[in-house]
Amino acid sequence: MVIDENILRSAGAEIRRYEPSESIFCEGDTPNYYYQIIEGDVKLNNYNEEGKEFIQNFLSDGQSCGESVLFIDKPYPMNAEAITRCSVMRLPKSIFFSLIKNSSDLCMEVNNALSQNLYNKFVMMLNISSQNPSIRIRGLMDYLKSFQEDLTPYSFMIPLTRQQMASLTGLCVETAIRTIKHMEREKIVRIENRKILY
């Protein structure tokens, strides 16, 4: 979801800068702010008891993170961690709610974005539940490409590493690499300079 930066600034949002691996918020924290990424990459993740990371999503410029939890009295169920140097706008929860209460257009945009995220999560869950690694990988690619205007074949460069794609789909990296090579042979993807075009 993207709220115009000028609206956020005029409402009193502050810009915070984060270094790679720095936490924006942590699992268990109380949600007190609306966060919108101005520049940089962020991952949403959890760690299990053995310290193994489970990546839920990757976010970048213009996307918001953790906003759905603002609407319920629950702690964050995940971490938001900077992958690259990031600039993030943060607006106190109470002011965020005032903004959406006072603007029906903004309220509709927030509802639309939350609904889109929920829809995408259901689609991803359906794909990840498949035993077929090709369905898992293609479901992830479809999800990532769905945010683009140009949906023609090979028009979208997948912005993730093979390791990140494996983490997001619950596959080992070797299986993800083999699957992507198979998809290239089937002309589903094209690989140029190690970049995957879908």
N, C-alpha and C. Protein backbone atom coordinates (compact mmCIF):
# COMPACT_ATOMS: atom_id res chain seq x y z
N MET A 1 0.86 -1.18 0.00
CA MET A 1 0.00 0.00 0.00
C MET A 1 0.90 1.22 0.00
N VAL A 2 0.54 2.19 -0.76
CA VAL A 2 1.33 3.41 -0.83
C VAL A 2 0.44 4.59 -0.51
N ILE A 3 0.81 5.30 0.54
CA ILE A 3 0.16 6.58 0.85
C ILE A 3 1.11 7.65 0.34
N ASP A 4 0.59 8.64 -0.33
CA ASP A 4 1.41 9.71 -0.87
C ASP A 4 2.35 10.23 0.23
N GLU A 5 3.64 10.32 -0.09
CA GLU A 5 4.63 10.75 0.90
C GLU A 5 4.35 12.14 1.43
N ASN A 6 3.79 13.02 0.60
CA ASN A 6 3.45 14.37 1.05
C ASN A 6 2.37 14.34 2.12
N ILE A 7 1.40 13.43 1.97
CA ILE A 7 0.35 13.27 2.99
C ILE A 7 0.98 12.80 4.30
N LEU A 8 1.88 11.82 4.19
CA LEU A 8 2.53 11.31 5.40
C LEU A 8 3.38 12.39 6.08
N ARG A 9 4.13 13.14 5.27
CA ARG A 9 4.96 14.21 5.84
C ARG A 9 4.11 15.27 6.53
N SER A 10 3.03 15.69 5.85
CA SER A 10 2.19 16.74 6.45
C SER A 10 1.48 16.24 7.71
N ALA A 11 1.32 14.92 7.83
CA ALA A 11 0.70 14.35 9.04
C ALA A 11 1.73 14.16 10.15
N GLY A 12 3.00 14.42 9.85
CA GLY A 12 4.03 14.33 10.90
C GLY A 12 4.87 13.08 10.87
N ALA A 13 4.87 12.34 9.76
CA ALA A 13 5.69 11.13 9.68
C ALA A 13 7.17 11.51 9.72
N GLU A 14 7.94 10.67 10.38
CA GLU A 14 9.39 10.88 10.42
C GLU A 14 10.08 9.84 9.54
N ILE A 15 11.26 10.20 9.05
CA ILE A 15 12.03 9.28 8.23
C ILE A 15 13.11 8.65 9.11
N ARG A 16 13.12 7.31 9.11
CA ARG A 16 14.13 6.55 9.86
C ARG A 16 15.03 5.84 8.86
N ARG A 17 16.31 5.75 9.18
CA ARG A 17 17.25 5.05 8.31
C ARG A 17 17.73 3.78 9.01
N TYR A 18 17.82 2.71 8.24
CA TYR A 18 18.23 1.41 8.79
C TYR A 18 19.37 0.84 7.96
N GLU A 19 20.32 0.22 8.64
CA GLU A 19 21.43 -0.46 8.00
C GLU A 19 21.03 -1.92 7.72
N PRO A 20 21.72 -2.60 6.79
CA PRO A 20 21.42 -4.01 6.55
C PRO A 20 21.46 -4.83 7.84
N SER A 21 20.49 -5.73 8.00
CA SER A 21 20.32 -6.61 9.16
C SER A 21 19.71 -5.90 10.38
N GLU A 22 19.46 -4.60 10.29
CA GLU A 22 18.85 -3.89 11.41
C GLU A 22 17.34 -4.12 11.40
N SER A 23 16.77 -4.26 12.59
CA SER A 23 15.33 -4.52 12.71
C SER A 23 14.53 -3.23 12.66
N ILE A 24 13.44 -3.26 11.92
CA ILE A 24 12.48 -2.15 11.89
C ILE A 24 11.47 -2.38 13.02
N PHE A 25 11.00 -3.62 13.12
CA PHE A 25 10.25 -4.07 14.30
C PHE A 25 10.49 -5.56 14.47
N CYS A 26 10.20 -6.07 15.67
CA CYS A 26 10.48 -7.46 15.99
C CYS A 26 9.21 -8.20 16.38
N GLU A 27 9.23 -9.50 16.14
CA GLU A 27 8.15 -10.38 16.57
C GLU A 27 7.92 -10.17 18.06
N GLY A 28 6.66 -9.97 18.42
CA GLY A 28 6.32 -9.75 19.82
C GLY A 28 6.19 -8.29 20.21
N ASP A 29 6.74 -7.36 19.38
CA ASP A 29 6.60 -5.92 19.65
C ASP A 29 5.14 -5.50 19.49
N THR A 30 4.77 -4.45 20.19
CA THR A 30 3.44 -3.85 20.04
C THR A 30 3.47 -2.92 18.82
N PRO A 31 2.51 -3.08 17.89
CA PRO A 31 2.48 -2.20 16.71
C PRO A 31 2.03 -0.78 17.08
N ASN A 32 2.94 0.17 16.94
CA ASN A 32 2.63 1.56 17.28
C ASN A 32 2.75 2.51 16.11
N TYR A 33 3.23 2.00 14.94
CA TYR A 33 3.49 2.88 13.80
C TYR A 33 3.04 2.23 12.49
N TYR A 34 2.71 3.10 11.53
CA TYR A 34 2.55 2.69 10.14
C TYR A 34 3.92 2.92 9.48
N TYR A 35 4.45 1.90 8.79
CA TYR A 35 5.75 1.99 8.14
C TYR A 35 5.60 1.92 6.63
N GLN A 36 6.26 2.84 5.93
CA GLN A 36 6.28 2.80 4.46
C GLN A 36 7.71 2.99 3.98
N ILE A 37 8.16 2.07 3.13
CA ILE A 37 9.54 2.08 2.65
C ILE A 37 9.68 3.14 1.56
N ILE A 38 10.59 4.07 1.76
CA ILE A 38 10.89 5.07 0.73
C ILE A 38 11.91 4.48 -0.24
N GLU A 39 12.95 3.87 0.34
CA GLU A 39 14.02 3.31 -0.49
C GLU A 39 14.65 2.15 0.26
N GLY A 40 14.93 1.06 -0.48
CA GLY A 40 15.60 -0.08 0.13
C GLY A 40 14.75 -1.34 0.10
N ASP A 41 15.33 -2.41 0.61
CA ASP A 41 14.66 -3.71 0.63
C ASP A 41 14.55 -4.22 2.06
N VAL A 42 13.39 -4.80 2.35
CA VAL A 42 13.07 -5.30 3.69
C VAL A 42 12.53 -6.71 3.56
N LYS A 43 12.86 -7.56 4.53
CA LYS A 43 12.25 -8.89 4.55
C LYS A 43 11.44 -9.04 5.83
N LEU A 44 10.32 -9.76 5.70
CA LEU A 44 9.51 -10.16 6.83
C LEU A 44 9.87 -11.60 7.12
N ASN A 45 10.24 -11.91 8.36
CA ASN A 45 10.69 -13.25 8.66
C ASN A 45 10.37 -13.67 10.10
N ASN A 46 10.61 -14.94 10.37
CA ASN A 46 10.55 -15.51 11.71
C ASN A 46 11.74 -16.45 11.84
N TYR A 47 12.07 -16.80 13.07
CA TYR A 47 13.09 -17.81 13.34
C TYR A 47 12.47 -18.88 14.22
N ASN A 48 12.72 -20.15 13.89
CA ASN A 48 12.18 -21.22 14.73
C ASN A 48 13.11 -21.47 15.93
N GLU A 49 12.78 -22.47 16.74
CA GLU A 49 13.53 -22.74 17.97
C GLU A 49 15.01 -23.03 17.71
N GLU A 50 15.31 -23.63 16.54
CA GLU A 50 16.70 -23.94 16.20
C GLU A 50 17.42 -22.76 15.55
N GLY A 51 16.72 -21.64 15.40
CA GLY A 51 17.33 -20.47 14.78
C GLY A 51 17.25 -20.45 13.27
N LYS A 52 16.50 -21.40 12.69
CA LYS A 52 16.34 -21.44 11.23
C LYS A 52 15.36 -20.34 10.80
N GLU A 53 15.75 -19.59 9.79
CA GLU A 53 14.94 -18.47 9.32
C GLU A 53 13.85 -18.95 8.37
N PHE A 54 12.65 -18.40 8.56
CA PHE A 54 11.54 -18.61 7.62
C PHE A 54 11.17 -17.25 7.08
N ILE A 55 11.34 -17.05 5.76
CA ILE A 55 11.05 -15.75 5.14
C ILE A 55 9.60 -15.75 4.67
N GLN A 56 8.86 -14.74 5.08
CA GLN A 56 7.46 -14.61 4.68
C GLN A 56 7.28 -13.75 3.44
N ASN A 57 8.11 -12.71 3.32
CA ASN A 57 7.93 -11.80 2.18
C ASN A 57 9.14 -10.89 2.04
N PHE A 58 9.33 -10.36 0.83
CA PHE A 58 10.32 -9.32 0.57
C PHE A 58 9.56 -8.08 0.11
N LEU A 59 9.95 -6.94 0.64
CA LEU A 59 9.29 -5.67 0.32
C LEU A 59 10.34 -4.67 -0.15
N SER A 60 9.90 -3.71 -0.97
CA SER A 60 10.85 -2.71 -1.47
C SER A 60 10.17 -1.35 -1.58
N ASP A 61 10.85 -0.45 -2.30
CA ASP A 61 10.43 0.96 -2.41
C ASP A 61 8.92 1.10 -2.57
N GLY A 62 8.32 1.95 -1.74
CA GLY A 62 6.91 2.27 -1.87
C GLY A 62 5.96 1.32 -1.18
N GLN A 63 6.46 0.18 -0.69
CA GLN A 63 5.56 -0.75 -0.03
C GLN A 63 5.52 -0.47 1.47
N SER A 64 4.44 -0.89 2.10
CA SER A 64 4.31 -0.73 3.54
C SER A 64 4.50 -2.08 4.20
N CYS A 65 4.80 -2.06 5.49
CA CYS A 65 4.99 -3.35 6.18
C CYS A 65 4.33 -3.32 7.55
N GLY A 66 3.64 -4.41 7.84
CA GLY A 66 3.04 -4.60 9.15
C GLY A 66 1.76 -3.83 9.40
N GLU A 67 1.19 -3.22 8.35
CA GLU A 67 0.01 -2.36 8.58
C GLU A 67 -1.22 -3.13 9.01
N SER A 68 -1.35 -4.38 8.59
CA SER A 68 -2.56 -5.14 8.94
C SER A 68 -2.66 -5.36 10.45
N VAL A 69 -1.54 -5.44 11.14
CA VAL A 69 -1.54 -5.69 12.59
C VAL A 69 -1.98 -4.44 13.37
N LEU A 70 -1.93 -3.27 12.73
CA LEU A 70 -2.37 -2.05 13.41
C LEU A 70 -3.85 -2.10 13.78
N PHE A 71 -4.63 -2.90 13.05
CA PHE A 71 -6.07 -2.91 13.24
C PHE A 71 -6.55 -3.88 14.32
N ILE A 72 -5.64 -4.63 14.90
CA ILE A 72 -6.02 -5.57 15.96
C ILE A 72 -5.09 -5.37 17.15
N ASP A 73 -5.53 -5.75 18.32
CA ASP A 73 -4.71 -5.62 19.52
C ASP A 73 -3.84 -6.85 19.73
N LYS A 74 -2.92 -7.07 18.81
CA LYS A 74 -2.03 -8.23 18.87
C LYS A 74 -0.61 -7.76 18.58
N PRO A 75 0.39 -8.45 19.13
CA PRO A 75 1.78 -8.10 18.81
C PRO A 75 2.14 -8.57 17.40
N TYR A 76 3.23 -8.03 16.87
CA TYR A 76 3.69 -8.46 15.56
C TYR A 76 3.99 -9.95 15.57
N PRO A 77 3.50 -10.71 14.57
CA PRO A 77 3.80 -12.14 14.49
C PRO A 77 5.08 -12.43 13.69
N MET A 78 5.79 -11.37 13.29
CA MET A 78 6.99 -11.52 12.47
C MET A 78 7.93 -10.36 12.72
N ASN A 79 9.13 -10.48 12.17
CA ASN A 79 10.13 -9.40 12.20
C ASN A 79 10.13 -8.69 10.86
N ALA A 80 10.48 -7.41 10.87
CA ALA A 80 10.79 -6.68 9.64
C ALA A 80 12.25 -6.28 9.75
N GLU A 81 13.05 -6.76 8.79
CA GLU A 81 14.49 -6.60 8.87
C GLU A 81 15.00 -5.99 7.57
N ALA A 82 15.85 -4.97 7.67
CA ALA A 82 16.44 -4.35 6.48
C ALA A 82 17.39 -5.33 5.81
N ILE A 83 17.31 -5.44 4.49
CA ILE A 83 18.25 -6.25 3.72
C ILE A 83 19.36 -5.34 3.19
N THR A 84 18.96 -4.16 2.73
CA THR A 84 19.89 -3.15 2.24
C THR A 84 19.74 -1.92 3.12
N ARG A 85 20.52 -0.90 2.85
CA ARG A 85 20.27 0.37 3.56
C ARG A 85 18.88 0.84 3.19
N CYS A 86 18.12 1.24 4.17
CA CYS A 86 16.71 1.62 3.94
C CYS A 86 16.39 2.98 4.54
N SER A 87 15.50 3.67 3.87
CA SER A 87 14.84 4.86 4.42
C SER A 87 13.36 4.50 4.53
N VAL A 88 12.82 4.66 5.72
CA VAL A 88 11.44 4.25 5.99
C VAL A 88 10.72 5.39 6.69
N MET A 89 9.52 5.71 6.18
CA MET A 89 8.68 6.70 6.87
C MET A 89 7.86 5.97 7.92
N ARG A 90 7.77 6.56 9.10
CA ARG A 90 6.91 5.96 10.12
C ARG A 90 5.98 7.02 10.69
N LEU A 91 4.74 6.63 10.84
CA LEU A 91 3.69 7.52 11.30
C LEU A 91 3.02 6.86 12.50
N PRO A 92 2.86 7.59 13.62
CA PRO A 92 2.19 6.97 14.77
C PRO A 92 0.82 6.42 14.40
N LYS A 93 0.50 5.30 15.01
CA LYS A 93 -0.75 4.58 14.74
C LYS A 93 -1.98 5.49 14.87
N SER A 94 -2.02 6.31 15.92
CA SER A 94 -3.20 7.16 16.15
C SER A 94 -3.40 8.16 15.01
N ILE A 95 -2.29 8.70 14.48
CA ILE A 95 -2.39 9.66 13.37
C ILE A 95 -2.78 8.93 12.09
N PHE A 96 -2.24 7.71 11.88
CA PHE A 96 -2.62 6.89 10.73
C PHE A 96 -4.13 6.65 10.74
N PHE A 97 -4.68 6.31 11.90
CA PHE A 97 -6.13 6.08 11.99
C PHE A 97 -6.92 7.36 11.73
N SER A 98 -6.42 8.49 12.20
CA SER A 98 -7.09 9.77 11.93
C SER A 98 -7.14 10.05 10.44
N LEU A 99 -6.02 9.77 9.75
CA LEU A 99 -5.97 9.99 8.30
C LEU A 99 -7.04 9.18 7.57
N ILE A 100 -7.14 7.89 7.90
CA ILE A 100 -8.10 7.06 7.17
C ILE A 100 -9.54 7.32 7.60
N LYS A 101 -9.73 7.81 8.83
CA LYS A 101 -11.09 8.16 9.25
C LYS A 101 -11.58 9.42 8.54
N ASN A 102 -10.65 10.33 8.24
CA ASN A 102 -11.01 11.62 7.66
C ASN A 102 -11.00 11.65 6.14
N SER A 103 -10.59 10.53 5.51
CA SER A 103 -10.56 10.50 4.05
C SER A 103 -11.13 9.17 3.57
N SER A 104 -12.32 9.24 2.98
CA SER A 104 -12.94 8.00 2.48
C SER A 104 -12.11 7.40 1.34
N ASP A 105 -11.45 8.26 0.53
CA ASP A 105 -10.60 7.75 -0.56
C ASP A 105 -9.42 6.96 0.00
N LEU A 106 -8.77 7.53 1.01
CA LEU A 106 -7.63 6.87 1.62
C LEU A 106 -8.07 5.57 2.32
N CYS A 107 -9.22 5.62 2.97
CA CYS A 107 -9.77 4.43 3.62
C CYS A 107 -9.99 3.31 2.59
N MET A 108 -10.54 3.67 1.43
CA MET A 108 -10.75 2.67 0.38
C MET A 108 -9.42 2.12 -0.14
N GLU A 109 -8.42 2.98 -0.27
CA GLU A 109 -7.10 2.53 -0.71
C GLU A 109 -6.50 1.54 0.29
N VAL A 110 -6.63 1.84 1.57
CA VAL A 110 -6.11 0.95 2.61
C VAL A 110 -6.84 -0.39 2.56
N ASN A 111 -8.17 -0.34 2.46
CA ASN A 111 -8.95 -1.59 2.37
C ASN A 111 -8.59 -2.39 1.12
N ASN A 112 -8.41 -1.70 0.01
CA ASN A 112 -8.03 -2.36 -1.23
C ASN A 112 -6.68 -3.06 -1.08
N ALA A 113 -5.71 -2.36 -0.49
CA ALA A 113 -4.37 -2.92 -0.31
C ALA A 113 -4.39 -4.12 0.63
N LEU A 114 -5.13 -4.01 1.73
CA LEU A 114 -5.22 -5.13 2.67
C LEU A 114 -5.90 -6.33 2.02
N SER A 115 -6.94 -6.08 1.24
CA SER A 115 -7.63 -7.17 0.54
C SER A 115 -6.73 -7.83 -0.49
N GLN A 116 -5.95 -7.02 -1.22
CA GLN A 116 -5.02 -7.56 -2.21
C GLN A 116 -3.96 -8.44 -1.54
N ASN A 117 -3.45 -7.96 -0.39
CA ASN A 117 -2.44 -8.75 0.35
C ASN A 117 -3.03 -10.08 0.82
N LEU A 118 -4.25 -10.05 1.31
CA LEU A 118 -4.91 -11.27 1.79
C LEU A 118 -5.13 -12.24 0.63
N TYR A 119 -5.58 -11.73 -0.49
CA TYR A 119 -5.78 -12.54 -1.69
C TYR A 119 -4.47 -13.20 -2.11
N ASN A 120 -3.39 -12.39 -2.15
CA ASN A 120 -2.09 -12.92 -2.56
C ASN A 120 -1.59 -14.00 -1.61
N LYS A 121 -1.84 -13.82 -0.31
CA LYS A 121 -1.42 -14.83 0.67
C LYS A 121 -2.15 -16.16 0.44
N PHE A 122 -3.45 -16.09 0.12
CA PHE A 122 -4.21 -17.32 -0.16
C PHE A 122 -3.65 -18.01 -1.40
N VAL A 123 -3.36 -17.23 -2.45
CA VAL A 123 -2.82 -17.80 -3.68
C VAL A 123 -1.46 -18.44 -3.39
N MET A 124 -0.62 -17.74 -2.63
CA MET A 124 0.71 -18.29 -2.29
C MET A 124 0.59 -19.55 -1.46
N MET A 125 -0.34 -19.57 -0.49
CA MET A 125 -0.53 -20.76 0.35
C MET A 125 -0.94 -21.95 -0.51
N LEU A 126 -1.82 -21.72 -1.47
CA LEU A 126 -2.27 -22.78 -2.37
C LEU A 126 -1.09 -23.34 -3.16
N ASN A 127 -0.25 -22.45 -3.70
CA ASN A 127 0.90 -22.88 -4.48
C ASN A 127 1.94 -23.60 -3.62
N ILE A 128 2.20 -23.08 -2.42
CA ILE A 128 3.23 -23.66 -1.56
C ILE A 128 2.80 -25.02 -1.02
N SER A 129 1.49 -25.26 -0.96
CA SER A 129 1.02 -26.56 -0.46
C SER A 129 1.22 -27.66 -1.51
N SER A 130 1.54 -27.30 -2.74
CA SER A 130 1.77 -28.28 -3.80
C SER A 130 3.09 -29.02 -3.55
N GLN A 131 3.12 -30.29 -3.88
CA GLN A 131 4.36 -31.07 -3.80
C GLN A 131 5.26 -30.81 -5.00
N ASN A 132 4.70 -30.18 -6.05
CA ASN A 132 5.44 -29.94 -7.28
C ASN A 132 6.25 -28.64 -7.14
N PRO A 133 7.60 -28.72 -7.15
CA PRO A 133 8.40 -27.50 -6.99
C PRO A 133 8.17 -26.47 -8.09
N SER A 134 7.83 -26.94 -9.30
CA SER A 134 7.58 -26.01 -10.40
C SER A 134 6.35 -25.14 -10.12
N ILE A 135 5.32 -25.75 -9.54
CA ILE A 135 4.11 -24.99 -9.18
C ILE A 135 4.43 -23.97 -8.09
N ARG A 136 5.26 -24.37 -7.13
CA ARG A 136 5.65 -23.43 -6.05
C ARG A 136 6.42 -22.23 -6.61
N ILE A 137 7.43 -22.51 -7.43
CA ILE A 137 8.26 -21.43 -7.98
C ILE A 137 7.44 -20.54 -8.91
N ARG A 138 6.62 -21.16 -9.77
CA ARG A 138 5.82 -20.37 -10.70
C ARG A 138 4.78 -19.52 -9.95
N GLY A 139 4.22 -20.07 -8.88
CA GLY A 139 3.27 -19.30 -8.06
C GLY A 139 3.93 -18.06 -7.47
N LEU A 140 5.18 -18.21 -7.01
CA LEU A 140 5.92 -17.06 -6.48
C LEU A 140 6.17 -16.04 -7.57
N MET A 141 6.57 -16.51 -8.75
CA MET A 141 6.84 -15.59 -9.86
C MET A 141 5.56 -14.86 -10.29
N ASP A 142 4.44 -15.60 -10.35
CA ASP A 142 3.16 -14.97 -10.70
C ASP A 142 2.81 -13.87 -9.70
N TYR A 143 3.03 -14.16 -8.42
CA TYR A 143 2.74 -13.18 -7.35
C TYR A 143 3.60 -11.93 -7.55
N LEU A 144 4.90 -12.11 -7.75
CA LEU A 144 5.79 -10.96 -7.90
C LEU A 144 5.45 -10.15 -9.15
N LYS A 145 5.13 -10.84 -10.25
CA LYS A 145 4.84 -10.15 -11.51
C LYS A 145 3.48 -9.46 -11.48
N SER A 146 2.59 -9.91 -10.59
CA SER A 146 1.22 -9.35 -10.56
C SER A 146 1.20 -7.86 -10.22
N PHE A 147 2.30 -7.34 -9.67
CA PHE A 147 2.36 -5.92 -9.31
C PHE A 147 2.83 -5.06 -10.48
N GLN A 148 3.16 -5.69 -11.61
CA GLN A 148 3.67 -4.96 -12.77
C GLN A 148 2.55 -4.67 -13.77
N GLU A 149 2.75 -3.64 -14.56
CA GLU A 149 1.78 -3.32 -15.61
C GLU A 149 1.99 -4.19 -16.84
N ASP A 150 3.24 -4.43 -17.20
CA ASP A 150 3.56 -5.23 -18.38
C ASP A 150 3.61 -6.70 -17.99
N LEU A 151 2.63 -7.47 -18.44
CA LEU A 151 2.55 -8.88 -18.09
C LEU A 151 2.95 -9.80 -19.23
N THR A 152 3.60 -9.24 -20.27
CA THR A 152 4.02 -10.07 -21.40
C THR A 152 5.18 -10.99 -20.97
N PRO A 153 5.36 -12.12 -21.68
CA PRO A 153 6.43 -13.05 -21.32
C PRO A 153 7.81 -12.38 -21.30
N TYR A 154 8.59 -12.71 -20.30
CA TYR A 154 9.98 -12.27 -20.13
C TYR A 154 10.12 -10.76 -19.88
N SER A 155 9.03 -10.09 -19.54
CA SER A 155 9.07 -8.63 -19.33
C SER A 155 9.48 -8.28 -17.91
N PHE A 156 9.48 -9.26 -17.01
CA PHE A 156 9.73 -8.97 -15.59
C PHE A 156 10.99 -9.71 -15.12
N MET A 157 11.93 -8.95 -14.53
CA MET A 157 13.11 -9.57 -13.97
C MET A 157 12.83 -9.90 -12.50
N ILE A 158 12.94 -11.17 -12.16
CA ILE A 158 12.68 -11.60 -10.78
C ILE A 158 13.73 -10.95 -9.87
N PRO A 159 13.29 -10.20 -8.84
CA PRO A 159 14.24 -9.43 -8.02
C PRO A 159 14.83 -10.21 -6.85
N LEU A 160 14.75 -11.55 -6.90
CA LEU A 160 15.22 -12.38 -5.79
C LEU A 160 16.34 -13.29 -6.23
N THR A 161 17.17 -13.67 -5.27
CA THR A 161 18.18 -14.68 -5.55
C THR A 161 17.51 -16.05 -5.52
N ARG A 162 18.22 -17.04 -6.03
CA ARG A 162 17.66 -18.40 -6.00
C ARG A 162 17.47 -18.87 -4.56
N GLN A 163 18.39 -18.46 -3.66
CA GLN A 163 18.27 -18.81 -2.24
C GLN A 163 17.01 -18.18 -1.65
N GLN A 164 16.75 -16.92 -1.97
CA GLN A 164 15.55 -16.25 -1.46
C GLN A 164 14.28 -16.92 -1.99
N MET A 165 14.29 -17.30 -3.27
CA MET A 165 13.14 -17.99 -3.85
C MET A 165 12.92 -19.33 -3.16
N ALA A 166 14.00 -20.04 -2.86
CA ALA A 166 13.89 -21.31 -2.15
C ALA A 166 13.29 -21.10 -0.76
N SER A 167 13.77 -20.08 -0.06
CA SER A 167 13.26 -19.79 1.29
C SER A 167 11.77 -19.46 1.29
N LEU A 168 11.36 -18.68 0.29
CA LEU A 168 9.95 -18.27 0.21
C LEU A 168 9.02 -19.41 -0.17
N THR A 169 9.55 -20.42 -0.83
CA THR A 169 8.69 -21.53 -1.30
C THR A 169 8.88 -22.80 -0.49
N GLY A 170 9.75 -22.77 0.52
CA GLY A 170 9.96 -23.95 1.35
C GLY A 170 10.74 -25.05 0.64
N LEU A 171 11.55 -24.68 -0.34
CA LEU A 171 12.37 -25.66 -1.08
C LEU A 171 13.83 -25.50 -0.68
N CYS A 172 14.62 -26.54 -0.89
CA CYS A 172 16.07 -26.37 -0.72
C CYS A 172 16.58 -25.65 -1.98
N VAL A 173 17.70 -24.97 -1.84
CA VAL A 173 18.19 -24.13 -2.94
C VAL A 173 18.53 -24.97 -4.17
N GLU A 174 19.03 -26.19 -3.97
CA GLU A 174 19.37 -27.04 -5.11
C GLU A 174 18.12 -27.37 -5.93
N THR A 175 17.01 -27.66 -5.24
CA THR A 175 15.75 -27.96 -5.93
C THR A 175 15.25 -26.73 -6.69
N ALA A 176 15.36 -25.57 -6.06
CA ALA A 176 14.94 -24.33 -6.73
C ALA A 176 15.76 -24.11 -8.00
N ILE A 177 17.07 -24.32 -7.93
CA ILE A 177 17.94 -24.11 -9.11
C ILE A 177 17.57 -25.09 -10.22
N ARG A 178 17.40 -26.37 -9.87
CA ARG A 178 17.03 -27.38 -10.89
C ARG A 178 15.69 -27.03 -11.53
N THR A 179 14.75 -26.60 -10.69
CA THR A 179 13.41 -26.28 -11.19
C THR A 179 13.45 -25.09 -12.15
N ILE A 180 14.22 -24.09 -11.81
CA ILE A 180 14.33 -22.90 -12.67
C ILE A 180 14.99 -23.26 -14.00
N LYS A 181 16.01 -24.14 -13.96
CA LYS A 181 16.65 -24.59 -15.21
C LYS A 181 15.65 -25.36 -16.07
N HIS A 182 14.83 -26.19 -15.43
CA HIS A 182 13.79 -26.92 -16.16
C HIS A 182 12.78 -25.94 -16.77
N MET A 183 12.41 -24.91 -16.02
CA MET A 183 11.47 -23.89 -16.52
C MET A 183 12.08 -23.15 -17.71
N GLU A 184 13.39 -22.97 -17.70
CA GLU A 184 14.05 -22.32 -18.84
C GLU A 184 13.96 -23.22 -20.08
N ARG A 185 14.20 -24.51 -19.90
CA ARG A 185 14.10 -25.45 -21.03
C ARG A 185 12.68 -25.48 -21.59
N GLU A 186 11.69 -25.30 -20.70
CA GLU A 186 10.28 -25.31 -21.12
C GLU A 186 9.83 -23.94 -21.67
N LYS A 187 10.77 -22.98 -21.69
CA LYS A 187 10.51 -21.61 -22.19
C LYS A 187 9.50 -20.84 -21.34
N ILE A 188 9.42 -21.20 -20.06
CA ILE A 188 8.58 -20.46 -19.11
C ILE A 188 9.33 -19.22 -18.64
N VAL A 189 10.65 -19.37 -18.46
CA VAL A 189 11.51 -18.25 -18.08
C VAL A 189 12.66 -18.17 -19.07
N ARG A 190 13.33 -17.03 -19.05
CA ARG A 190 14.56 -16.87 -19.82
C ARG A 190 15.63 -16.40 -18.84
N ILE A 191 16.83 -16.91 -18.94
CA ILE A 191 17.91 -16.50 -18.03
C ILE A 191 18.96 -15.76 -18.84
N GLU A 192 19.22 -14.51 -18.43
CA GLU A 192 20.22 -13.68 -19.08
C GLU A 192 21.13 -13.11 -18.02
N ASN A 193 22.43 -13.37 -18.12
CA ASN A 193 23.41 -12.90 -17.13
C ASN A 193 22.99 -13.28 -15.70
N ARG A 194 22.56 -14.52 -15.55
CA ARG A 194 22.11 -15.08 -14.27
C ARG A 194 20.82 -14.46 -13.74
N LYS A 195 20.23 -13.55 -14.47
CA LYS A 195 18.96 -12.93 -14.07
C LYS A 195 17.82 -13.71 -14.70
N ILE A 196 16.75 -13.89 -13.92
CA ILE A 196 15.59 -14.67 -14.39
C ILE A 196 14.55 -13.69 -14.93
N LEU A 197 14.19 -13.86 -16.18
CA LEU A 197 13.15 -13.04 -16.81
C LEU A 197 11.89 -13.90 -16.95
N TYR A 198 10.78 -13.37 -16.45
CA TYR A 198 9.51 -14.11 -16.44
C TYR A 198 8.43 -13.29 -17.12
